[in-house]
C-alpha atoms as a PDB file:
ATOM      1  CA  MET A   1     -27.118 -18.139  -9.825  1.00  0.00           C
ATOM      2  CA  GLU A   2     -28.188 -15.088  -7.814  1.00  0.00           C
ATOM      3  CA  GLN A   3     -27.310 -17.025  -4.662  1.00  0.00           C
ATOM      4  CA  LEU A   4     -23.630 -16.616  -5.519  1.00  0.00           C
ATOM      5  CA  THR A   5     -23.799 -12.797  -5.759  1.00  0.00           C
ATOM      6  CA  TYR A   6     -22.365 -11.991  -2.317  1.00  0.00           C
ATOM      7  CA  LEU A   7     -19.798 -14.789  -2.497  1.00  0.00           C
ATOM      8  CA  ALA A   8     -18.722 -13.683  -5.981  1.00  0.00           C
ATOM      9  CA  LEU A   9     -18.172 -10.142  -4.724  1.00  0.00           C
ATOM     10  CA  LEU A  10     -15.895 -11.426  -1.960  1.00  0.00           C
ATOM     11  CA  ALA A  11     -14.008 -13.664  -4.392  1.00  0.00           C
ATOM     12  CA  GLY A  12     -13.565 -10.676  -6.699  1.00  0.00           C
ATOM     13  CA  CYS A  13     -12.043  -8.627  -3.868  1.00  0.00           C
ATOM     14  CA  LEU A  14      -9.548 -11.400  -3.164  1.00  0.00           C
ATOM     15  CA  LEU A  15      -8.774 -11.850  -6.853  1.00  0.00           C
ATOM     16  CA  VAL A  16      -8.095  -8.146  -7.381  1.00  0.00           C
ATOM     17  CA  THR A  17      -5.796  -7.854  -4.354  1.00  0.00           C
ATOM     18  CA  ALA A  18      -3.928 -11.171  -4.802  1.00  0.00           C
ATOM     19  CA  PRO A  19      -1.351  -9.597  -7.149  1.00  0.00           C
ATOM     20  CA  LEU A  20      -0.396  -7.178  -4.371  1.00  0.00           C
ATOM     21  CA  GLU A  21       0.957 -10.113  -2.374  1.00  0.00           C
ATOM     22  CA  LEU A  22       2.287 -12.095  -5.309  1.00  0.00           C
ATOM     23  CA  VAL A  23       3.733  -9.403  -7.585  1.00  0.00           C
ATOM     24  CA  LEU A  24       4.662  -6.653  -5.148  1.00  0.00           C
ATOM     25  CA  GLY A  25       5.607  -9.065  -2.380  1.00  0.00           C
ATOM     26  CA  VAL A  26       4.034  -7.043   0.416  1.00  0.00           C
ATOM     27  CA  ARG A  27       4.344 -10.029   2.789  1.00  0.00           C
ATOM     28  CA  VAL A  28       0.961  -9.642   4.469  1.00  0.00           C
ATOM     29  CA  TYR A  29       0.463 -13.400   4.713  1.00  0.00           C
ATOM     30  CA  ALA A  30       4.042 -13.957   5.896  1.00  0.00           C
ATOM     31  CA  ARG A  31       3.391 -11.593   8.805  1.00  0.00           C
ATOM     32  CA  TRP A  32       0.252 -13.438   9.863  1.00  0.00           C
ATOM     33  CA  ARG A  33       0.479 -12.421  13.527  1.00  0.00           C
ATOM     34  CA  ARG A  34       0.345  -8.748  12.558  1.00  0.00           C
ATOM     35  CA  LEU A  35      -2.551  -9.513  10.222  1.00  0.00           C
ATOM     36  CA  LEU A  36      -4.442 -11.205  13.044  1.00  0.00           C
ATOM     37  CA  VAL A  37      -3.891  -8.198  15.324  1.00  0.00           C
ATOM     38  CA  ALA A  38      -5.378  -6.011  12.597  1.00  0.00           C
ATOM     39  CA  VAL A  39      -8.324  -8.221  11.696  1.00  0.00           C
ATOM     40  CA  VAL A  40      -9.484 -10.056  14.836  1.00  0.00           C
ATOM     41  CA  PRO A  41     -10.667  -7.017  16.870  1.00  0.00           C
ATOM     42  CA  GLU A  42     -12.624  -5.679  13.887  1.00  0.00           C
ATOM     43  CA  PHE A  43     -14.043  -9.133  13.210  1.00  0.00           C
ATOM     44  CA  VAL A  44     -15.276  -9.609  16.772  1.00  0.00           C
ATOM     45  CA  VAL A  45     -16.821  -6.144  17.048  1.00  0.00           C
ATOM     46  CA  PHE A  46     -18.665  -6.314  13.737  1.00  0.00           C
ATOM     47  CA  VAL A  47     -19.894  -9.890  14.109  1.00  0.00           C
ATOM     48  CA  VAL A  48     -21.316  -9.025  17.548  1.00  0.00           C
ATOM     49  CA  TRP A  49     -22.871  -5.885  16.078  1.00  0.00           C
ATOM     50  CA  VAL A  50     -24.497  -7.811  13.220  1.00  0.00           C
ATOM     51  CA  LEU A  51     -25.750 -10.529  15.566  1.00  0.00           C
ATOM     52  CA  TYR A  52     -27.327  -7.845  17.738  1.00  0.00           C
ATOM     53  CA  ALA A  53     -28.902  -6.147  14.707  1.00  0.00           C
ATOM     54  CA  ILE A  54     -30.300  -9.462  13.469  1.00  0.00           C
ATOM     55  CA  ALA A  55     -31.683 -10.309  16.921  1.00  0.00           C
ATOM     56  CA  GLN A  56     -33.372  -6.895  17.114  1.00  0.00           C
ATOM     57  CA  GLY A  57     -34.899  -7.313  13.655  1.00  0.00           C
ATOM     58  CA  HIS A  58     -32.955  -4.366  12.220  1.00  0.00           C
ATOM     59  CA  TRP A  59     -31.149  -6.384   9.553  1.00  0.00           C
ATOM     60  CA  ASP A  60     -32.015  -9.280   7.326  1.00  0.00           C
ATOM     61  CA  TYR A  61     -30.265 -10.921   4.399  1.00  0.00           C
ATOM     62  CA  SER A  62     -31.702 -12.041   1.112  1.00  0.00           C
ATOM     63  CA  ALA A  63     -31.896 -15.802   0.664  1.00  0.00           C
ATOM     64  CA  THR A  64     -31.903 -15.224  -3.104  1.00  0.00           C
ATOM     65  CA  ARG A  65     -28.510 -13.432  -3.117  1.00  0.00           C
ATOM     66  CA  THR A  66     -26.755 -15.547  -0.513  1.00  0.00           C
ATOM     67  CA  LEU A  67     -26.203 -19.262  -0.128  1.00  0.00           C
ATOM     68  CA  ASP A  68     -28.711 -19.032   2.736  1.00  0.00           C
ATOM     69  CA  VAL A  69     -26.281 -20.842   5.019  1.00  0.00           C
ATOM     70  CA  ARG A  70     -26.928 -19.335   8.433  1.00  0.00           C
ATOM     71  CA  LEU A  71     -24.527 -19.641  11.310  1.00  0.00           C
ATOM     72  CA  PRO A  72     -25.597 -19.445  14.959  1.00  0.00           C
ATOM     73  CA  GLY A  73     -27.537 -16.254  15.590  1.00  0.00           C
ATOM     74  CA  GLY A  74     -28.810 -16.206  12.004  1.00  0.00           C
ATOM     75  CA  ILE A  75     -25.752 -14.539  10.483  1.00  0.00           C
ATOM     76  CA  PRO A  76     -25.132 -15.623   6.885  1.00  0.00           C
ATOM     77  CA  LEU A  77     -21.845 -17.327   6.064  1.00  0.00           C
ATOM     78  CA  GLU A  78     -21.064 -14.619   3.506  1.00  0.00           C
ATOM     79  CA  GLU A  79     -21.414 -11.880   6.113  1.00  0.00           C
ATOM     80  CA  VAL A  80     -18.854 -13.580   8.356  1.00  0.00           C
ATOM     81  CA  LEU A  81     -16.536 -13.973   5.371  1.00  0.00           C
ATOM     82  CA  PHE A  82     -17.059 -10.287   4.537  1.00  0.00           C
ATOM     83  CA  PHE A  83     -15.588  -9.302   7.910  1.00  0.00           C
ATOM     84  CA  LEU A  84     -12.480 -11.334   7.072  1.00  0.00           C
ATOM     85  CA  VAL A  85     -12.061 -10.633   3.357  1.00  0.00           C
ATOM     86  CA  VAL A  86     -12.555  -6.858   3.298  1.00  0.00           C
ATOM     87  CA  PRO A  87     -10.042  -6.123   6.093  1.00  0.00           C
ATOM     88  CA  LEU A  88      -7.557  -8.523   4.502  1.00  0.00           C
ATOM     89  CA  CYS A  89      -7.888  -6.720   1.173  1.00  0.00           C
ATOM     90  CA  SER A  90      -7.550  -3.379   2.957  1.00  0.00           C
ATOM     91  CA  VAL A  91      -4.337  -4.454   4.670  1.00  0.00           C
ATOM     92  CA  LEU A  92      -2.981  -5.729   1.359  1.00  0.00           C
ATOM     93  CA  ALA A  93      -3.793  -2.382  -0.274  1.00  0.00           C
ATOM     94  CA  LEU A  94      -2.213  -0.396   2.569  1.00  0.00           C
ATOM     95  CA  GLU A  95       0.961  -2.473   2.477  1.00  0.00           C
ATOM     96  CA  ALA A  96       1.140  -2.128  -1.305  1.00  0.00           C
ATOM     97  CA  VAL A  97       0.926   1.665  -0.999  1.00  0.00           C
ATOM     98  CA  ARG A  98       3.584   1.577   1.729  1.00  0.00           C
ATOM     99  CA  LYS A  99       5.902  -0.497  -0.430  1.00  0.00           C
ATOM    100  CA  VAL A 100       5.471   1.501  -3.622  1.00  0.00           C
ATOM    101  CA  THR A 101       5.650   4.947  -2.003  1.00  0.00           C
ATOM    102  CA  ARG A 102       8.006   4.003   0.861  1.00  0.00           C
ATOM    103  CA  TRP A 103       5.498   5.636   3.228  1.00  0.00           C
ATOM    104  CA  ASP A 104       6.075   4.565   6.824  1.00  0.00           C
ATOM    105  CA  ALA A 105       2.404   4.940   7.893  1.00  0.00           C
ATOM    106  CA  GLY A 106       3.538   5.366  11.464  1.00  0.00           C
ATOM    107  CA  TYR A 107       5.896   2.416  11.688  1.00  0.00           C
ATOM    108  CA  PRO A 108       9.313   1.793  10.139  1.00  0.00           C
ATOM    109  CA  ALA A 109       9.316   0.710   6.513  1.00  0.00           C
ATOM    110  CA  GLU A 110      12.042  -1.834   7.323  1.00  0.00           C
ATOM    111  CA  GLU A 111       9.428  -3.909   9.136  1.00  0.00           C
ATOM    112  CA  ALA A 112       7.758  -4.568   5.788  1.00  0.00           C
ATOM    113  CA  LEU A 113      10.950  -5.926   4.247  1.00  0.00           C
ATOM    114  CA  PRO A 114      12.140  -9.541   4.418  1.00  0.00           C
ATOM    115  CA  PRO A 115      14.933 -10.003   7.025  1.00  0.00           C
ATOM    116  CA  GLY A 116      17.657 -10.135   4.361  1.00  0.00           C
ATOM    117  CA  GLU A 117      16.616  -6.766   2.923  1.00  0.00           C
ATOM    118  CA  ARG A 118      16.455  -4.790   6.173  1.00  0.00           C
ATOM    119  CA  VAL A 119      18.438  -1.603   6.400  1.00  0.00           C
ATOM    120  CA  GLY A 120      20.920  -1.505   9.280  1.00  0.00           C
ATOM    121  CA  ARG A 121      20.783   1.377  11.730  1.00  0.00           C
END
């Protein structure tokens, strides 16, 4: 059961943030191109960093707390998923704060609204 620890943590993050999309309707998944722009650069940088750290012997991962499924370079499957799940949850949280507080966070709030709800200028 310990092998599911890391995976369970990631599933918990997704479970906790799912209502932000479903209940608040923050439309993160609907704006998938914007989500990719936010997540892909981070994903690439951190996966390369972890692969380097593994190759140098700086980092290792417990086979008892992971599924011990290793991808090329020795990176565990859960670690790759971590670099997708955590940024996704972060974007969901940011968009939820934007929606609830009407904070523009540096870009117009109208962009977060469905096309039918946009405010005319």
